[in-house]
Amino acid sequence: MRGDGPARKNVEIAATVRTGLRLFLRRVRDPQGQAGDYSLFRERAARRAEEGMPLPMLLRSHSTAVYVLWQALRDEATDGEDDALIELVDFLLRGHEAIIGAVTETYLLEQVTLSAERREHHRSLMRGLLDGSVPPQRAFEELGLDGPCFVLRLDLPKAEGPAASAVADRRLLRRVQSVLDRTLGTEAVSPLGVDGGYAIVPQRIDDPDGVRIGEQLCTRLRQVCGDDVGLSAAAADTPTAAPIAARTAADIVRIARACGRPRGPT
C-alpha cells in the first residue's frame, strides 16, 4: 500500500467496499447491536496514516465505496420496493456520516502521534550527533540530511516577572519552534529546550551562504522573542564537521555575551 497512484486508490476502494458492505449488512439485520462499531474503519485509518496515504484520498475512497453500495442496492431493487430502497439508502448515508467522522478523527490522531514520535527520534539523533554517541554519517542518513549544512545555536530569553512560569516557557518554545519550522522548512532538525538549543538546516542551492534565510529567521525571532535572543550559525561541509560547527556556534554566542555585546543574531 506504499505506492501512489490509481492502483493504490483502487485497492483501498475495494477493501473499503468489502468492509463497508459487511458492516452495512450487519447493521441492517441488527440496527442496535452494531450501530456504533467502527473499529475496523478506525484500524484501517490508523494504518493508512502510518503508511502515508493522504487523508483526501482516504476519504474519497469511502465516498466512492458508498456510491458502489448504492449502485448495488439500486440494481437489486425490484418494482414495488421503492420505499424499502429509500429506507436503506437513508440508513447507508447516516452510517457514512458517522464513519467519515470516525475515520478522520483516527487518522488525525495517528498523524499527531507519528509526528511526535518522529520529532522525538530526531531530537535523540541530534543529541547523539552533537555529543558523539551516534556516528555522524548514520545520524545524517536517519535525519534525511545530505550535503553541506548550517548548525545554528539559539539562546532563548528567560521569562521574568509575573509572566515567568513553566507554561510561559512552553508557550514561547512552541512559538519559536513554529518560527523555525516555517523559516527553515520541514527538513530542518531543531531539538529545542526552554533555554534554546541547536538546529541543523541543509544549505539551499538558491541561498548557499544562508544570508536570506538568516535574515528571515532573525526578523521572525525578534517578532516572537524581542531583541533578547541569541543566535549564531556555523557551516558544516560534512557530517563529521557538524559537531565542530555546533561547538563553534555555541562559542560565538558565549564570547559575544562575555564581551558585553547585546543579545541578538551574531
Foldseek 3Di string as FASTA:
>chain_A
DLDDDDVVLVVLLVVLLVVLVVLLVVCVVPVPPSVQDLPVLLVVLLVCLVSPPDPVSNLVSLVVSLVVVLVVLVVPDDPPCVVVSVVSNVVSVVSSVSSNVSSVVSNVVSNVVVVVVLLVVLVVLVVCLQVVVDPLVVSCVSLVHDFKKKKKWKFADADDDPCGDPVSLVVLVVQLVVLCCVLQHPSKRADADSGTGMIIGHQDPVHNPCPVSVVSSQVSNCVRRNQQMAMEMFMDGDSNCRNVRNVVNVVVRVVCVVVVHHHGYD
